[in-house]
PDB file of all heavy atoms in Angstrom:
ATOM      1  N   GLY A   1       0.789  -1.251   0.033  1.00  0.00           N
ATOM      2  CA  GLY A   1       0.014   0.026  -0.017  1.00  0.00           C
ATOM      3  C   GLY A   1       0.804   1.251   0.029  1.00  0.00           C
ATOM      4  O   GLY A   1       1.813   1.364  -0.644  1.00  0.00           O
ATOM      5  N   ASP A   2       0.316   2.267   0.741  1.00  0.00           N
ATOM      6  CA  ASP A   2       0.868   3.608   0.774  1.00  0.00           C
ATOM      7  C   ASP A   2       2.379   3.638   1.000  1.00  0.00           C
ATOM      8  O   ASP A   2       2.822   3.309   2.077  1.00  0.00           O
ATOM      9  CB  ASP A   2       0.152   4.413   1.907  1.00  0.00           C
ATOM     10  CG  ASP A   2       0.525   5.831   1.948  1.00  0.00           C
ATOM     11  OD1 ASP A   2       1.280   6.332   0.968  1.00  0.00           O
ATOM     12  OD2 ASP A   2       0.111   6.593   2.833  1.00  0.00           O
ATOM     13  N   LEU A   3       3.179   4.059   0.039  1.00  0.00           N
ATOM     14  CA  LEU A   3       4.612   4.050   0.091  1.00  0.00           C
ATOM     15  C   LEU A   3       5.088   5.142   1.034  1.00  0.00           C
ATOM     16  O   LEU A   3       6.206   5.060   1.569  1.00  0.00           O
ATOM     17  CB  LEU A   3       5.198   4.145  -1.254  1.00  0.00           C
ATOM     18  CG  LEU A   3       4.895   3.050  -2.221  1.00  0.00           C
ATOM     19  CD1 LEU A   3       5.627   3.276  -3.560  1.00  0.00           C
ATOM     20  CD2 LEU A   3       5.325   1.674  -1.682  1.00  0.00           C
ATOM     21  N   SER A   4       4.293   6.249   1.183  1.00  0.00           N
ATOM     22  CA  SER A   4       4.773   7.374   2.032  1.00  0.00           C
ATOM     23  C   SER A   4       4.956   6.930   3.535  1.00  0.00           C
ATOM     24  O   SER A   4       5.767   7.593   4.205  1.00  0.00           O
ATOM     25  CB  SER A   4       3.923   8.536   1.883  1.00  0.00           C
ATOM     26  OG  SER A   4       2.581   8.222   2.442  1.00  0.00           O
ATOM     27  N   GLU A   5       4.255   5.920   3.979  1.00  0.00           N
ATOM     28  CA  GLU A   5       4.363   5.577   5.402  1.00  0.00           C
ATOM     29  C   GLU A   5       4.770   4.062   5.453  1.00  0.00           C
ATOM     30  O   GLU A   5       4.406   3.393   6.459  1.00  0.00           O
ATOM     31  CB  GLU A   5       3.002   5.751   6.054  1.00  0.00           C
ATOM     32  CG  GLU A   5       2.666   7.196   6.152  1.00  0.00           C
ATOM     33  CD  GLU A   5       1.287   7.422   6.814  1.00  0.00           C
ATOM     34  OE1 GLU A   5       0.822   6.573   7.549  1.00  0.00           O
ATOM     35  OE2 GLU A   5       0.743   8.541   6.691  1.00  0.00           O
ATOM     36  N   ASN A   6       5.495   3.552   4.552  1.00  0.00           N
ATOM     37  CA  ASN A   6       5.888   2.150   4.508  1.00  0.00           C
ATOM     38  C   ASN A   6       7.396   1.976   4.858  1.00  0.00           C
ATOM     39  O   ASN A   6       8.204   2.187   4.012  1.00  0.00           O
ATOM     40  CB  ASN A   6       5.543   1.591   3.032  1.00  0.00           C
ATOM     41  CG  ASN A   6       5.705   0.071   3.005  1.00  0.00           C
ATOM     42  OD1 ASN A   6       6.473  -0.481   3.750  1.00  0.00           O
ATOM     43  ND2 ASN A   6       4.997  -0.550   2.127  1.00  0.00           N
ATOM     44  N   ALA A   7       7.600   1.664   6.050  1.00  0.00           N
ATOM     45  CA  ALA A   7       8.952   1.560   6.544  1.00  0.00           C
ATOM     46  C   ALA A   7       9.747   0.419   5.878  1.00  0.00           C
ATOM     47  O   ALA A   7      10.969   0.524   5.624  1.00  0.00           O
ATOM     48  CB  ALA A   7       9.072   1.405   8.081  1.00  0.00           C
ATOM     49  N   GLU A   8       9.017  -0.660   5.617  1.00  0.00           N
ATOM     50  CA  GLU A   8       9.666  -1.825   4.934  1.00  0.00           C
ATOM     51  C   GLU A   8      10.241  -1.449   3.520  1.00  0.00           C
ATOM     52  O   GLU A   8      11.298  -1.760   3.106  1.00  0.00           O
ATOM     53  CB  GLU A   8       8.666  -2.960   4.783  1.00  0.00           C
ATOM     54  CG  GLU A   8       8.413  -3.708   6.019  1.00  0.00           C
ATOM     55  CD  GLU A   8       7.391  -4.824   5.803  1.00  0.00           C
ATOM     56  OE1 GLU A   8       7.529  -5.589   4.830  1.00  0.00           O
ATOM     57  OE2 GLU A   8       6.425  -4.911   6.581  1.00  0.00           O
ATOM     58  N   TYR A   9       9.414  -0.619   2.856  1.00  0.00           N
ATOM     59  CA  TYR A   9       9.751  -0.090   1.461  1.00  0.00           C
ATOM     60  C   TYR A   9      11.010   0.780   1.616  1.00  0.00           C
ATOM     61  O   TYR A   9      11.946   0.580   0.810  1.00  0.00           O
ATOM     62  CB  TYR A   9       8.548   0.651   0.835  1.00  0.00           C
ATOM     63  CG  TYR A   9       8.900   1.231  -0.506  1.00  0.00           C
ATOM     64  CD1 TYR A   9       8.912   0.366  -1.619  1.00  0.00           C
ATOM     65  CD2 TYR A   9       9.219   2.560  -0.676  1.00  0.00           C
ATOM     66  CE1 TYR A   9       9.237   0.922  -2.933  1.00  0.00           C
ATOM     67  CE2 TYR A   9       9.485   3.129  -1.919  1.00  0.00           C
ATOM     68  CZ  TYR A   9       9.508   2.236  -3.018  1.00  0.00           C
ATOM     69  OH  TYR A   9       9.812   2.760  -4.253  1.00  0.00           O
ATOM     70  N   ASP A  10      10.921   1.741   2.564  1.00  0.00           N
ATOM     71  CA  ASP A  10      12.142   2.625   2.715  1.00  0.00           C
ATOM     72  C   ASP A  10      13.351   1.781   3.049  1.00  0.00           C
ATOM     73  O   ASP A  10      14.413   2.125   2.539  1.00  0.00           O
ATOM     74  CB  ASP A  10      11.808   3.599   3.815  1.00  0.00           C
ATOM     75  CG  ASP A  10      10.731   4.633   3.455  1.00  0.00           C
ATOM     76  OD1 ASP A  10      10.464   4.760   2.203  1.00  0.00           O
ATOM     77  OD2 ASP A  10      10.229   5.288   4.326  1.00  0.00           O
ATOM     78  N   ALA A  11      13.195   0.820   3.949  1.00  0.00           N
ATOM     79  CA  ALA A  11      14.385  -0.005   4.354  1.00  0.00           C
ATOM     80  C   ALA A  11      15.008  -0.790   3.134  1.00  0.00           C
ATOM     81  O   ALA A  11      16.179  -0.864   2.927  1.00  0.00           O
ATOM     82  CB  ALA A  11      14.055  -0.909   5.488  1.00  0.00           C
ATOM     83  N   ALA A  12      14.100  -1.333   2.349  1.00  0.00           N
ATOM     84  CA  ALA A  12      14.470  -2.117   1.153  1.00  0.00           C
ATOM     85  C   ALA A  12      15.179  -1.195   0.203  1.00  0.00           C
ATOM     86  O   ALA A  12      16.131  -1.558  -0.492  1.00  0.00           O
ATOM     87  CB  ALA A  12      13.280  -2.805   0.551  1.00  0.00           C
ATOM     88  N   ARG A  13      14.629   0.013  -0.025  1.00  0.00           N
ATOM     89  CA  ARG A  13      15.251   0.950  -1.014  1.00  0.00           C
ATOM     90  C   ARG A  13      16.645   1.411  -0.481  1.00  0.00           C
ATOM     91  O   ARG A  13      17.538   1.477  -1.256  1.00  0.00           O
ATOM     92  CB  ARG A  13      14.316   2.160  -1.163  1.00  0.00           C
ATOM     93  CG  ARG A  13      13.035   1.925  -1.894  1.00  0.00           C
ATOM     94  CD  ARG A  13      13.146   1.672  -3.335  1.00  0.00           C
ATOM     95  NE  ARG A  13      13.777   2.834  -3.973  1.00  0.00           N
ATOM     96  CZ  ARG A  13      14.107   2.850  -5.273  1.00  0.00           C
ATOM     97  NH1 ARG A  13      13.928   1.811  -5.983  1.00  0.00           N
ATOM     98  NH2 ARG A  13      14.640   3.887  -5.804  1.00  0.00           N
ATOM     99  N   ASP A  14      16.740   1.622   0.791  1.00  0.00           N
ATOM    100  CA  ASP A  14      18.042   1.979   1.346  1.00  0.00           C
ATOM    101  C   ASP A  14      19.016   0.849   1.157  1.00  0.00           C
ATOM    102  O   ASP A  14      20.208   1.087   0.775  1.00  0.00           O
ATOM    103  CB  ASP A  14      17.927   2.274   2.832  1.00  0.00           C
ATOM    104  CG  ASP A  14      17.237   3.641   3.101  1.00  0.00           C
ATOM    105  OD1 ASP A  14      17.047   4.420   2.112  1.00  0.00           O
ATOM    106  OD2 ASP A  14      16.836   3.853   4.301  1.00  0.00           O
ATOM    107  N   ALA A  15      18.584  -0.373   1.406  1.00  0.00           N
ATOM    108  CA  ALA A  15      19.501  -1.517   1.241  1.00  0.00           C
ATOM    109  C   ALA A  15      19.932  -1.677  -0.198  1.00  0.00           C
ATOM    110  O   ALA A  15      21.076  -1.964  -0.502  1.00  0.00           O
ATOM    111  CB  ALA A  15      18.778  -2.788   1.679  1.00  0.00           C
ATOM    112  N   GLN A  16      18.920  -1.353  -1.114  1.00  0.00           N
ATOM    113  CA  GLN A  16      19.339  -1.446  -2.484  1.00  0.00           C
ATOM    114  C   GLN A  16      20.384  -0.464  -2.923  1.00  0.00           C
ATOM    115  O   GLN A  16      21.326  -0.713  -3.619  1.00  0.00           O
ATOM    116  CB  GLN A  16      18.008  -1.204  -3.373  1.00  0.00           C
ATOM    117  CG  GLN A  16      18.319  -1.308  -4.910  1.00  0.00           C
ATOM    118  CD  GLN A  16      17.059  -1.000  -5.688  1.00  0.00           C
ATOM    119  OE1 GLN A  16      16.291  -0.113  -5.400  1.00  0.00           O
ATOM    120  NE2 GLN A  16      16.783  -1.847  -6.723  1.00  0.00           N
ATOM    121  N   GLY A  17      20.215   0.831  -2.388  1.00  0.00           N
ATOM    122  CA  GLY A  17      21.165   1.863  -2.664  1.00  0.00           C
ATOM    123  C   GLY A  17      22.566   1.493  -2.201  1.00  0.00           C
ATOM    124  O   GLY A  17      23.584   1.700  -2.879  1.00  0.00           O
ATOM    125  N   LEU A  18      22.623   0.984  -0.918  1.00  0.00           N
ATOM    126  CA  LEU A  18      23.911   0.569  -0.380  1.00  0.00           C
ATOM    127  C   LEU A  18      24.547  -0.581  -1.158  1.00  0.00           C
ATOM    128  O   LEU A  18      25.752  -0.638  -1.347  1.00  0.00           O
ATOM    129  CB  LEU A  18      23.712   0.133   1.133  1.00  0.00           C
ATOM    130  CG  LEU A  18      23.397   1.225   2.073  1.00  0.00           C
ATOM    131  CD1 LEU A  18      23.029   0.635   3.422  1.00  0.00           C
ATOM    132  CD2 LEU A  18      24.521   2.302   2.160  1.00  0.00           C
ATOM    133  N   LEU A  19      23.699  -1.518  -1.581  1.00  0.00           N
ATOM    134  CA  LEU A  19      24.201  -2.680  -2.417  1.00  0.00           C
ATOM    135  C   LEU A  19      24.841  -2.185  -3.714  1.00  0.00           C
ATOM    136  O   LEU A  19      25.846  -2.577  -4.140  1.00  0.00           O
ATOM    137  CB  LEU A  19      23.145  -3.713  -2.642  1.00  0.00           C
ATOM    138  CG  LEU A  19      23.509  -4.890  -3.428  1.00  0.00           C
ATOM    139  CD1 LEU A  19      24.566  -5.725  -2.739  1.00  0.00           C
ATOM    140  CD2 LEU A  19      22.299  -5.715  -3.810  1.00  0.00           C
ATOM    141  N   GLU A  20      24.102  -1.250  -4.338  1.00  0.00           N
ATOM    142  CA  GLU A  20      24.565  -0.727  -5.659  1.00  0.00           C
ATOM    143  C   GLU A  20      25.901   0.024  -5.522  1.00  0.00           C
ATOM    144  O   GLU A  20      26.787  -0.090  -6.338  1.00  0.00           O
ATOM    145  CB  GLU A  20      23.548   0.187  -6.338  1.00  0.00           C
ATOM    146  CG  GLU A  20      22.308  -0.594  -6.797  1.00  0.00           C
ATOM    147  CD  GLU A  20      22.620  -1.732  -7.719  1.00  0.00           C
ATOM    148  OE1 GLU A  20      23.520  -1.666  -8.592  1.00  0.00           O
ATOM    149  OE2 GLU A  20      21.995  -2.812  -7.580  1.00  0.00           O
ATOM    150  N   VAL A  21      26.050   0.793  -4.349  1.00  0.00           N
ATOM    151  CA  VAL A  21      27.351   1.454  -4.140  1.00  0.00           C
ATOM    152  C   VAL A  21      28.504   0.426  -3.967  1.00  0.00           C
ATOM    153  O   VAL A  21      29.579   0.524  -4.443  1.00  0.00           O
ATOM    154  CB  VAL A  21      27.228   2.372  -2.893  1.00  0.00           C
ATOM    155  CG1 VAL A  21      28.582   2.833  -2.376  1.00  0.00           C
ATOM    156  CG2 VAL A  21      26.278   3.506  -3.219  1.00  0.00           C
ATOM    157  N   LYS A  22      28.132  -0.664  -3.164  1.00  0.00           N
ATOM    158  CA  LYS A  22      29.116  -1.677  -2.899  1.00  0.00           C
ATOM    159  C   LYS A  22      29.505  -2.365  -4.236  1.00  0.00           C
ATOM    160  O   LYS A  22      30.708  -2.600  -4.480  1.00  0.00           O
ATOM    161  CB  LYS A  22      28.572  -2.702  -1.933  1.00  0.00           C
ATOM    162  CG  LYS A  22      29.526  -3.855  -1.637  1.00  0.00           C
ATOM    163  CD  LYS A  22      28.833  -4.803  -0.572  1.00  0.00           C
ATOM    164  CE  LYS A  22      29.797  -5.954  -0.239  1.00  0.00           C
ATOM    165  NZ  LYS A  22      29.214  -6.886   0.720  1.00  0.00           N
ATOM    166  N   ILE A  23      28.538  -2.707  -5.058  1.00  0.00           N
ATOM    167  CA  ILE A  23      28.788  -3.377  -6.321  1.00  0.00           C
ATOM    168  C   ILE A  23      29.716  -2.491  -7.234  1.00  0.00           C
ATOM    169  O   ILE A  23      30.728  -2.948  -7.768  1.00  0.00           O
ATOM    170  CB  ILE A  23      27.434  -3.651  -7.053  1.00  0.00           C
ATOM    171  CG1 ILE A  23      26.792  -4.863  -6.314  1.00  0.00           C
ATOM    172  CG2 ILE A  23      27.702  -4.047  -8.553  1.00  0.00           C
ATOM    173  CD1 ILE A  23      25.380  -5.191  -6.853  1.00  0.00           C
ATOM    174  N   ALA A  24      29.413  -1.158  -7.292  1.00  0.00           N
ATOM    175  CA  ALA A  24      30.203  -0.283  -8.140  1.00  0.00           C
ATOM    176  C   ALA A  24      31.661  -0.207  -7.581  1.00  0.00           C
ATOM    177  O   ALA A  24      32.598  -0.211  -8.397  1.00  0.00           O
ATOM    178  CB  ALA A  24      29.546   1.107  -8.054  1.00  0.00           C
ATOM    179  N   ARG A  25      31.816  -0.151  -6.289  1.00  0.00           N
ATOM    180  CA  ARG A  25      33.123  -0.087  -5.671  1.00  0.00           C
ATOM    181  C   ARG A  25      33.957  -1.358  -5.977  1.00  0.00           C
ATOM    182  O   ARG A  25      35.055  -1.289  -6.376  1.00  0.00           O
ATOM    183  CB  ARG A  25      32.985   0.170  -4.174  1.00  0.00           C
ATOM    184  CG  ARG A  25      34.342   0.199  -3.441  1.00  0.00           C
ATOM    185  CD  ARG A  25      34.144   0.414  -1.944  1.00  0.00           C
ATOM    186  NE  ARG A  25      33.347  -0.715  -1.310  1.00  0.00           N
ATOM    187  CZ  ARG A  25      33.831  -1.916  -1.000  1.00  0.00           C
ATOM    188  NH1 ARG A  25      35.037  -2.241  -1.246  1.00  0.00           N
ATOM    189  NH2 ARG A  25      33.032  -2.821  -0.466  1.00  0.00           N
ATOM    190  N   LEU A  26      33.236  -2.565  -5.865  1.00  0.00           N
ATOM    191  CA  LEU A  26      33.918  -3.805  -6.118  1.00  0.00           C
ATOM    192  C   LEU A  26      34.297  -3.994  -7.617  1.00  0.00           C
ATOM    193  O   LEU A  26      35.360  -4.404  -7.964  1.00  0.00           O
ATOM    194  CB  LEU A  26      33.019  -5.009  -5.687  1.00  0.00           C
ATOM    195  CG  LEU A  26      32.903  -5.126  -4.197  1.00  0.00           C
ATOM    196  CD1 LEU A  26      31.804  -6.142  -3.798  1.00  0.00           C
ATOM    197  CD2 LEU A  26      34.243  -5.549  -3.513  1.00  0.00           C
ATOM    198  N   LYS A  27      33.366  -3.506  -8.482  1.00  0.00           N
ATOM    199  CA  LYS A  27      33.651  -3.615  -9.931  1.00  0.00           C
ATOM    200  C   LYS A  27      34.870  -2.714 -10.276  1.00  0.00           C
ATOM    201  O   LYS A  27      35.751  -3.132 -11.062  1.00  0.00           O
ATOM    202  CB  LYS A  27      32.477  -3.144 -10.773  1.00  0.00           C
ATOM    203  CG  LYS A  27      31.399  -4.122 -10.916  1.00  0.00           C
ATOM    204  CD  LYS A  27      30.291  -3.623 -11.787  1.00  0.00           C
ATOM    205  CE  LYS A  27      29.181  -4.644 -12.028  1.00  0.00           C
ATOM    206  NZ  LYS A  27      28.132  -4.223 -12.830  1.00  0.00           N
ATOM    207  N   GLU A  28      34.962  -1.575  -9.632  1.00  0.00           N
ATOM    208  CA  GLU A  28      36.118  -0.712  -9.945  1.00  0.00           C
ATOM    209  C   GLU A  28      37.407  -1.237  -9.345  1.00  0.00           C
ATOM    210  O   GLU A  28      38.443  -1.187 -10.032  1.00  0.00           O
ATOM    211  CB  GLU A  28      35.861   0.743  -9.262  1.00  0.00           C
ATOM    212  CG  GLU A  28      36.878   1.798  -9.569  1.00  0.00           C
ATOM    213  CD  GLU A  28      36.528   3.115  -9.102  1.00  0.00           C
ATOM    214  OE1 GLU A  28      35.506   3.282  -8.351  1.00  0.00           O
ATOM    215  OE2 GLU A  28      37.330   4.034  -9.348  1.00  0.00           O
ATOM    216  N   LYS A  29      37.356  -1.915  -8.259  1.00  0.00           N
ATOM    217  CA  LYS A  29      38.565  -2.469  -7.698  1.00  0.00           C
ATOM    218  C   LYS A  29      38.972  -3.673  -8.474  1.00  0.00           C
ATOM    219  O   LYS A  29      40.207  -3.802  -8.761  1.00  0.00           O
ATOM    220  CB  LYS A  29      38.285  -3.007  -6.234  1.00  0.00           C
ATOM    221  CG  LYS A  29      38.394  -1.962  -5.145  1.00  0.00           C
ATOM    222  CD  LYS A  29      38.206  -2.661  -3.821  1.00  0.00           C
ATOM    223  CE  LYS A  29      39.019  -1.945  -2.807  1.00  0.00           C
ATOM    224  NZ  LYS A  29      39.114  -2.584  -1.499  1.00  0.00           N
ATOM    225  N   VAL A  30      38.082  -4.455  -8.993  1.00  0.00           N
ATOM    226  CA  VAL A  30      38.440  -5.612  -9.839  1.00  0.00           C
ATOM    227  C   VAL A  30      39.088  -5.123 -11.196  1.00  0.00           C
ATOM    228  O   VAL A  30      40.041  -5.559 -11.640  1.00  0.00           O
ATOM    229  CB  VAL A  30      37.209  -6.550 -10.092  1.00  0.00           C
ATOM    230  CG1 VAL A  30      37.523  -7.519 -11.252  1.00  0.00           C
ATOM    231  CG2 VAL A  30      36.794  -7.239  -8.851  1.00  0.00           C
ATOM    232  N   ALA A  31      38.448  -4.048 -11.709  1.00  0.00           N
ATOM    233  CA  ALA A  31      38.945  -3.502 -12.972  1.00  0.00           C
ATOM    234  C   ALA A  31      40.347  -2.903 -12.821  1.00  0.00           C
ATOM    235  O   ALA A  31      41.174  -2.904 -13.786  1.00  0.00           O
ATOM    236  CB  ALA A  31      38.024  -2.403 -13.482  1.00  0.00           C
ATOM    237  N   ASN A  32      40.667  -2.306 -11.671  1.00  0.00           N
ATOM    238  CA  ASN A  32      41.964  -1.719 -11.411  1.00  0.00           C
ATOM    239  C   ASN A  32      43.029  -2.572 -10.751  1.00  0.00           C
ATOM    240  O   ASN A  32      44.080  -2.159 -10.449  1.00  0.00           O
ATOM    241  CB  ASN A  32      41.774  -0.420 -10.637  1.00  0.00           C
ATOM    242  CG  ASN A  32      41.058   0.676 -11.430  1.00  0.00           C
ATOM    243  OD1 ASN A  32      41.405   0.941 -12.535  1.00  0.00           O
ATOM    244  ND2 ASN A  32      40.054   1.199 -10.810  1.00  0.00           N
ATOM    245  N   ALA A  33      42.623  -3.834 -10.542  1.00  0.00           N
ATOM    246  CA  ALA A  33      43.570  -4.765  -9.885  1.00  0.00           C
ATOM    247  C   ALA A  33      44.647  -5.310 -10.865  1.00  0.00           C
ATOM    248  O   ALA A  33      44.347  -5.576 -11.978  1.00  0.00           O
ATOM    249  CB  ALA A  33      42.766  -5.955  -9.305  1.00  0.00           C
ATOM    250  N   ARG A  34      45.791  -5.381 -10.288  1.00  0.00           N
ATOM    251  CA  ARG A  34      46.900  -6.000 -11.036  1.00  0.00           C
ATOM    252  C   ARG A  34      47.534  -7.139 -10.181  1.00  0.00           C
ATOM    253  O   ARG A  34      47.941  -6.818  -9.096  1.00  0.00           O
ATOM    254  CB  ARG A  34      47.935  -4.934 -11.456  1.00  0.00           C
ATOM    255  CG  ARG A  34      47.487  -3.897 -12.415  1.00  0.00           C
ATOM    256  CD  ARG A  34      47.059  -4.411 -13.757  1.00  0.00           C
ATOM    257  NE  ARG A  34      46.449  -3.422 -14.577  1.00  0.00           N
ATOM    258  CZ  ARG A  34      45.190  -3.176 -14.712  1.00  0.00           C
ATOM    259  NH1 ARG A  34      44.287  -3.872 -13.985  1.00  0.00           N
ATOM    260  NH2 ARG A  34      44.655  -2.224 -15.535  1.00  0.00           N
ATOM    261  N   VAL A  35      47.531  -8.279 -10.755  1.00  0.00           N
ATOM    262  CA  VAL A  35      48.082  -9.442  -9.999  1.00  0.00           C
ATOM    263  C   VAL A  35      49.651  -9.392 -10.008  1.00  0.00           C
ATOM    264  O   VAL A  35      50.268  -9.133 -11.045  1.00  0.00           O
ATOM    265  CB  VAL A  35      47.597 -10.738 -10.504  1.00  0.00           C
ATOM    266  CG1 VAL A  35      48.283 -11.956  -9.797  1.00  0.00           C
ATOM    267  CG2 VAL A  35      46.095 -10.814 -10.410  1.00  0.00           C
ATOM    268  N   ILE A  36      50.196  -9.541  -8.773  1.00  0.00           N
ATOM    269  CA  ILE A  36      51.672  -9.601  -8.639  1.00  0.00           C
ATOM    270  C   ILE A  36      52.240 -10.809  -9.308  1.00  0.00           C
ATOM    271  O   ILE A  36      51.736 -11.974  -9.008  1.00  0.00           O
ATOM    272  CB  ILE A  36      51.999  -9.480  -7.135  1.00  0.00           C
ATOM    273  CG1 ILE A  36      51.486  -8.216  -6.562  1.00  0.00           C
ATOM    274  CG2 ILE A  36      53.513  -9.567  -6.953  1.00  0.00           C
ATOM    275  CD1 ILE A  36      51.521  -8.186  -5.017  1.00  0.00           C
ATOM    276  N   ASP A  37      53.178 -10.664 -10.123  1.00  0.00           N
ATOM    277  CA  ASP A  37      53.856 -11.777 -10.773  1.00  0.00           C
ATOM    278  C   ASP A  37      54.927 -12.406  -9.793  1.00  0.00           C
ATOM    279  O   ASP A  37      55.982 -11.799  -9.624  1.00  0.00           O
ATOM    280  CB  ASP A  37      54.552 -11.359 -12.089  1.00  0.00           C
ATOM    281  CG  ASP A  37      55.223 -12.549 -12.784  1.00  0.00           C
ATOM    282  OD1 ASP A  37      55.278 -13.622 -12.254  1.00  0.00           O
ATOM    283  OD2 ASP A  37      55.608 -12.332 -13.962  1.00  0.00           O
ATOM    284  N   GLU A  38      54.588 -13.399  -9.102  1.00  0.00           N
ATOM    285  CA  GLU A  38      55.357 -13.974  -8.013  1.00  0.00           C
ATOM    286  C   GLU A  38      56.722 -14.564  -8.539  1.00  0.00           C
ATOM    287  O   GLU A  38      57.576 -14.685  -7.797  1.00  0.00           O
ATOM    288  CB  GLU A  38      54.570 -15.024  -7.243  1.00  0.00           C
ATOM    289  CG  GLU A  38      53.439 -14.424  -6.482  1.00  0.00           C
ATOM    290  CD  GLU A  38      52.682 -15.344  -5.563  1.00  0.00           C
ATOM    291  OE1 GLU A  38      53.276 -16.162  -4.952  1.00  0.00           O
ATOM    292  OE2 GLU A  38      51.479 -15.283  -5.626  1.00  0.00           O
ATOM    293  N   SER A  39      56.776 -14.861  -9.877  1.00  0.00           N
ATOM    294  CA  SER A  39      57.975 -15.419 -10.453  1.00  0.00           C
ATOM    295  C   SER A  39      59.057 -14.423 -10.507  1.00  0.00           C
ATOM    296  O   SER A  39      60.259 -14.727 -10.664  1.00  0.00           O
ATOM    297  CB  SER A  39      57.681 -16.056 -11.871  1.00  0.00           C
ATOM    298  OG  SER A  39      57.420 -15.009 -12.704  1.00  0.00           O
TER     299      SER A  39
END
């Protein structure tokens, strides 16, 4: 129902936002990673 007073909706949207930030940060780290040549 009413999204203006729906705490579950707000919490889920906040979780989604945090997850997308985490995904973007991890993608950037993977893209910029260079493996050390142990040899």
